[in-house]
Amino acid sequence: MRCPFCGNIDTQVKDSRPAEDHVSIRRRRFCSACGGRFTTYERVQLRDLVVIKSSGKREDFDRSKLERAIRISIQKRPIEPERIDQMISGIVRRLESLGDTDIASRTIGDIVMETLARIDTVAYVRFASVYKNFQAADDFDKFVSELRPSHLTEE
């Protein structure tokens, strides 16, 4: 593993343990060249996933891109970091277990929406606003009204 401080290729693992999400290994590393210490995470990857965009374009699945989108939607919400990591790992495992390496971006979005809906409705609406490409306030109003229980909308 290359040292992020000096670029030295020869770094040593000083400690390994399961990460908080229990699906990755946390490794503390030491660079003998500059003395820098840093942490890496190792995850199991069942298969290389390819995302098929709505335009037909194909690109390699990027876990960090998924994580970034989810973290933006849950920003300033009362959700523990461990819960977020577990959610992201669960989504990735679910995608890998679909049985196909080619996954439509719509499928990924639907799975993320389903997961966020169970965890936090505000994050769910935030993600939906980008995913469903809301253009006006009416789009939000229509979407949120569908979330309300029917007895509230009949008043």
C-alpha atoms as a PDB file:
ATOM      1  CA  MET A   1       0.000   0.000   0.000  1.00  0.00           C
ATOM      2  CA  ARG A   2       1.413   3.363  -1.030  1.00  0.00           C
ATOM      3  CA  CYS A   3       1.961   5.932   1.743  1.00  0.00           C
ATOM      4  CA  PRO A   4      -0.420   8.898   1.275  1.00  0.00           C
ATOM      5  CA  PHE A   5       2.167  11.267   2.765  1.00  0.00           C
ATOM      6  CA  CYS A   6       5.417  10.494   0.932  1.00  0.00           C
ATOM      7  CA  GLY A   7       4.402   7.997  -1.779  1.00  0.00           C
ATOM      8  CA  ASN A   8       6.635   5.195  -0.479  1.00  0.00           C
ATOM      9  CA  ILE A   9       5.360   1.799  -1.682  1.00  0.00           C
ATOM     10  CA  ASP A  10       6.702  -0.152   1.291  1.00  0.00           C
ATOM     11  CA  THR A  11       4.329   0.336   4.238  1.00  0.00           C
ATOM     12  CA  GLN A  12       3.778  -2.058   7.111  1.00  0.00           C
ATOM     13  CA  VAL A  13       0.541  -3.251   8.709  1.00  0.00           C
ATOM     14  CA  LYS A  14       0.741  -2.634  12.450  1.00  0.00           C
ATOM     15  CA  ASP A  15      -2.779  -3.718  13.458  1.00  0.00           C
ATOM     16  CA  SER A  16      -5.773  -5.403  11.789  1.00  0.00           C
ATOM     17  CA  ARG A  17      -9.288  -5.759  13.177  1.00  0.00           C
ATOM     18  CA  PRO A  18     -12.862  -5.941  11.928  1.00  0.00           C
ATOM     19  CA  ALA A  19     -14.319  -2.521  11.168  1.00  0.00           C
ATOM     20  CA  GLU A  20     -17.450  -1.243  12.865  1.00  0.00           C
ATOM     21  CA  ASP A  21     -19.650  -2.475   9.996  1.00  0.00           C
ATOM     22  CA  HIS A  22     -18.273  -6.028  10.403  1.00  0.00           C
ATOM     23  CA  VAL A  23     -17.986  -6.422   6.623  1.00  0.00           C
ATOM     24  CA  SER A  24     -14.540  -4.909   6.241  1.00  0.00           C
ATOM     25  CA  ILE A  25     -11.111  -5.104   7.855  1.00  0.00           C
ATOM     26  CA  ARG A  26      -9.543  -1.978   9.333  1.00  0.00           C
ATOM     27  CA  ARG A  27      -5.753  -1.913   9.011  1.00  0.00           C
ATOM     28  CA  ARG A  28      -3.470   0.556  10.775  1.00  0.00           C
ATOM     29  CA  ARG A  29      -0.362   1.103   8.663  1.00  0.00           C
ATOM     30  CA  PHE A  30       3.049   2.648   9.215  1.00  0.00           C
ATOM     31  CA  CYS A  31       5.451   4.101   6.643  1.00  0.00           C
ATOM     32  CA  SER A  32       9.071   3.340   7.459  1.00  0.00           C
ATOM     33  CA  ALA A  33      10.285   6.117   5.109  1.00  0.00           C
ATOM     34  CA  CYS A  34       8.467   9.126   6.636  1.00  0.00           C
ATOM     35  CA  GLY A  35       7.038   7.682   9.873  1.00  0.00           C
ATOM     36  CA  GLY A  36       3.475   8.456   8.804  1.00  0.00           C
ATOM     37  CA  ARG A  37       0.560   6.434  10.157  1.00  0.00           C
ATOM     38  CA  PHE A  38      -2.706   5.882   8.303  1.00  0.00           C
ATOM     39  CA  THR A  39      -5.706   3.571   8.152  1.00  0.00           C
ATOM     40  CA  THR A  40      -6.990   1.488   5.247  1.00  0.00           C
ATOM     41  CA  TYR A  41     -10.125  -0.619   4.894  1.00  0.00           C
ATOM     42  CA  GLU A  42     -10.368  -3.900   3.022  1.00  0.00           C
ATOM     43  CA  ARG A  43     -13.777  -5.110   1.814  1.00  0.00           C
ATOM     44  CA  VAL A  44     -14.953  -8.259   0.121  1.00  0.00           C
ATOM     45  CA  GLN A  45     -16.089  -7.687  -3.439  1.00  0.00           C
ATOM     46  CA  LEU A  46     -18.155 -10.539  -4.809  1.00  0.00           C
ATOM     47  CA  ARG A  47     -18.163  -9.351  -8.415  1.00  0.00           C
ATOM     48  CA  ASP A  48     -17.268  -6.338 -10.517  1.00  0.00           C
ATOM     49  CA  LEU A  49     -20.486  -4.420 -11.058  1.00  0.00           C
ATOM     50  CA  VAL A  50     -21.206  -2.262 -14.100  1.00  0.00           C
ATOM     51  CA  VAL A  51     -23.829   0.478 -13.960  1.00  0.00           C
ATOM     52  CA  ILE A  52     -26.002   0.969 -17.030  1.00  0.00           C
ATOM     53  CA  LYS A  53     -27.046   4.628 -17.118  1.00  0.00           C
ATOM     54  CA  SER A  54     -30.404   5.724 -18.556  1.00  0.00           C
ATOM     55  CA  SER A  55     -28.486   7.082 -21.570  1.00  0.00           C
ATOM     56  CA  GLY A  56     -27.137   3.574 -22.202  1.00  0.00           C
ATOM     57  CA  LYS A  57     -23.626   4.550 -21.088  1.00  0.00           C
ATOM     58  CA  ARG A  58     -21.796   1.906 -19.036  1.00  0.00           C
ATOM     59  CA  GLU A  59     -19.486   2.678 -16.136  1.00  0.00           C
ATOM     60  CA  ASP A  60     -17.885   0.716 -13.331  1.00  0.00           C
ATOM     61  CA  PHE A  61     -19.833   0.748 -10.070  1.00  0.00           C
ATOM     62  CA  ASP A  62     -18.241   3.184  -7.620  1.00  0.00           C
ATOM     63  CA  ARG A  63     -19.074   2.583  -3.969  1.00  0.00           C
ATOM     64  CA  SER A  64     -17.750   6.010  -3.015  1.00  0.00           C
ATOM     65  CA  LYS A  65     -20.171   7.663  -5.442  1.00  0.00           C
ATOM     66  CA  LEU A  66     -23.078   5.804  -3.814  1.00  0.00           C
ATOM     67  CA  GLU A  67     -21.777   6.728  -0.373  1.00  0.00           C
ATOM     68  CA  ARG A  68     -21.421  10.405  -1.347  1.00  0.00           C
ATOM     69  CA  ALA A  69     -25.034  10.572  -2.631  1.00  0.00           C
ATOM     70  CA  ILE A  70     -26.380   8.954   0.512  1.00  0.00           C
ATOM     71  CA  ARG A  71     -24.303  11.124   2.848  1.00  0.00           C
ATOM     72  CA  ILE A  72     -25.561  14.272   1.104  1.00  0.00           C
ATOM     73  CA  SER A  73     -29.161  13.168   1.559  1.00  0.00           C
ATOM     74  CA  ILE A  74     -28.697  12.416   5.271  1.00  0.00           C
ATOM     75  CA  GLN A  75     -26.607  15.477   6.050  1.00  0.00           C
ATOM     76  CA  LYS A  76     -27.502  16.972   9.458  1.00  0.00           C
ATOM     77  CA  ARG A  77     -29.964  14.164  10.188  1.00  0.00           C
ATOM     78  CA  PRO A  78     -29.813  12.232  13.502  1.00  0.00           C
ATOM     79  CA  ILE A  79     -28.385   9.033  12.033  1.00  0.00           C
ATOM     80  CA  GLU A  80     -25.325   7.364  13.563  1.00  0.00           C
ATOM     81  CA  PRO A  81     -22.276   6.969  11.285  1.00  0.00           C
ATOM     82  CA  GLU A  82     -22.229   3.212  11.960  1.00  0.00           C
ATOM     83  CA  ARG A  83     -25.823   2.938  10.749  1.00  0.00           C
ATOM     84  CA  ILE A  84     -24.887   4.785   7.556  1.00  0.00           C
ATOM     85  CA  ASP A  85     -21.956   2.434   6.907  1.00  0.00           C
ATOM     86  CA  GLN A  86     -24.165  -0.593   7.540  1.00  0.00           C
ATOM     87  CA  MET A  87     -26.803   0.788   5.170  1.00  0.00           C
ATOM     88  CA  ILE A  88     -24.278   1.367   2.388  1.00  0.00           C
ATOM     89  CA  SER A  89     -22.732  -2.092   2.864  1.00  0.00           C
ATOM     90  CA  GLY A  90     -26.203  -3.630   2.819  1.00  0.00           C
ATOM     91  CA  ILE A  91     -27.070  -1.870  -0.438  1.00  0.00           C
ATOM     92  CA  VAL A  92     -23.830  -3.019  -2.065  1.00  0.00           C
ATOM     93  CA  ARG A  93     -24.358  -6.615  -0.890  1.00  0.00           C
ATOM     94  CA  ARG A  94     -27.889  -6.509  -2.245  1.00  0.00           C
ATOM     95  CA  LEU A  95     -26.628  -5.254  -5.628  1.00  0.00           C
ATOM     96  CA  GLU A  96     -23.955  -7.954  -5.735  1.00  0.00           C
ATOM     97  CA  SER A  97     -26.502 -10.632  -4.882  1.00  0.00           C
ATOM     98  CA  LEU A  98     -28.816  -9.689  -7.766  1.00  0.00           C
ATOM     99  CA  GLY A  99     -26.907 -12.257  -9.816  1.00  0.00           C
ATOM    100  CA  ASP A 100     -25.984  -9.989 -12.711  1.00  0.00           C
ATOM    101  CA  THR A 101     -22.911  -7.810 -13.119  1.00  0.00           C
ATOM    102  CA  ASP A 102     -24.826  -5.248 -15.210  1.00  0.00           C
ATOM    103  CA  ILE A 103     -27.180  -3.173 -13.067  1.00  0.00           C
ATOM    104  CA  ALA A 104     -29.424  -0.373 -14.279  1.00  0.00           C
ATOM    105  CA  SER A 105     -28.890   2.924 -12.461  1.00  0.00           C
ATOM    106  CA  ARG A 106     -32.661   2.970 -11.912  1.00  0.00           C
ATOM    107  CA  THR A 107     -32.384  -0.281  -9.910  1.00  0.00           C
ATOM    108  CA  ILE A 108     -29.689   1.249  -7.702  1.00  0.00           C
ATOM    109  CA  GLY A 109     -31.785   4.379  -7.176  1.00  0.00           C
ATOM    110  CA  ASP A 110     -34.861   2.325  -6.294  1.00  0.00           C
ATOM    111  CA  ILE A 111     -32.927   0.267  -3.737  1.00  0.00           C
ATOM    112  CA  VAL A 112     -31.449   3.409  -2.163  1.00  0.00           C
ATOM    113  CA  MET A 113     -34.902   5.046  -2.021  1.00  0.00           C
ATOM    114  CA  GLU A 114     -36.416   1.945  -0.427  1.00  0.00           C
ATOM    115  CA  THR A 115     -33.635   1.851   2.176  1.00  0.00           C
ATOM    116  CA  LEU A 116     -33.808   5.573   2.986  1.00  0.00           C
ATOM    117  CA  ALA A 117     -37.596   5.433   3.303  1.00  0.00           C
ATOM    118  CA  ARG A 118     -37.205   2.947   6.160  1.00  0.00           C
ATOM    119  CA  ILE A 119     -34.526   5.000   7.924  1.00  0.00           C
ATOM    120  CA  ASP A 120     -35.391   8.703   7.563  1.00  0.00           C
ATOM    121  CA  THR A 121     -38.176  10.361   5.566  1.00  0.00           C
ATOM    122  CA  VAL A 122     -36.327  13.685   5.219  1.00  0.00           C
ATOM    123  CA  ALA A 123     -33.292  11.936   3.711  1.00  0.00           C
ATOM    124  CA  TYR A 124     -35.683   9.966   1.516  1.00  0.00           C
ATOM    125  CA  VAL A 125     -37.262  13.165   0.145  1.00  0.00           C
ATOM    126  CA  ARG A 126     -33.851  14.791  -0.342  1.00  0.00           C
ATOM    127  CA  PHE A 127     -32.564  11.803  -2.312  1.00  0.00           C
ATOM    128  CA  ALA A 128     -35.815  11.585  -4.298  1.00  0.00           C
ATOM    129  CA  SER A 129     -35.571  15.244  -5.294  1.00  0.00           C
ATOM    130  CA  VAL A 130     -32.330  14.551  -7.136  1.00  0.00           C
ATOM    131  CA  TYR A 131     -33.131  11.000  -8.252  1.00  0.00           C
ATOM    132  CA  LYS A 132     -36.534  11.919  -9.652  1.00  0.00           C
ATOM    133  CA  ASN A 133     -35.195  15.241 -10.964  1.00  0.00           C
ATOM    134  CA  PHE A 134     -37.696  17.572  -9.300  1.00  0.00           C
ATOM    135  CA  GLN A 135     -37.936  20.808 -11.282  1.00  0.00           C
ATOM    136  CA  ALA A 136     -40.380  22.889  -9.213  1.00  0.00           C
ATOM    137  CA  ALA A 137     -41.875  23.189  -5.739  1.00  0.00           C
ATOM    138  CA  ASP A 138     -45.003  21.460  -7.043  1.00  0.00           C
ATOM    139  CA  ASP A 139     -42.920  18.336  -7.651  1.00  0.00           C
ATOM    140  CA  PHE A 140     -41.966  18.299  -3.947  1.00  0.00           C
ATOM    141  CA  ASP A 141     -45.528  18.945  -2.866  1.00  0.00           C
ATOM    142  CA  LYS A 142     -46.912  16.119  -4.994  1.00  0.00           C
ATOM    143  CA  PHE A 143     -44.216  13.686  -3.808  1.00  0.00           C
ATOM    144  CA  VAL A 144     -44.625  14.566  -0.121  1.00  0.00           C
ATOM    145  CA  SER A 145     -48.419  14.369  -0.337  1.00  0.00           C
ATOM    146  CA  GLU A 146     -48.025  10.759  -1.515  1.00  0.00           C
ATOM    147  CA  LEU A 147     -46.027  10.031   1.666  1.00  0.00           C
ATOM    148  CA  ARG A 148     -48.754  11.258   3.997  1.00  0.00           C
ATOM    149  CA  PRO A 149     -51.179   8.728   5.411  1.00  0.00           C
ATOM    150  CA  SER A 150     -54.564   8.919   3.688  1.00  0.00           C
ATOM    151  CA  HIS A 151     -56.395  10.069   6.835  1.00  0.00           C
ATOM    152  CA  LEU A 152     -54.297  13.245   6.943  1.00  0.00           C
ATOM    153  CA  THR A 153     -54.951  14.201   3.321  1.00  0.00           C
ATOM    154  CA  GLU A 154     -58.732  13.815   3.691  1.00  0.00           C
ATOM    155  CA  GLU A 155     -59.009  16.675   6.238  1.00  0.00           C
END
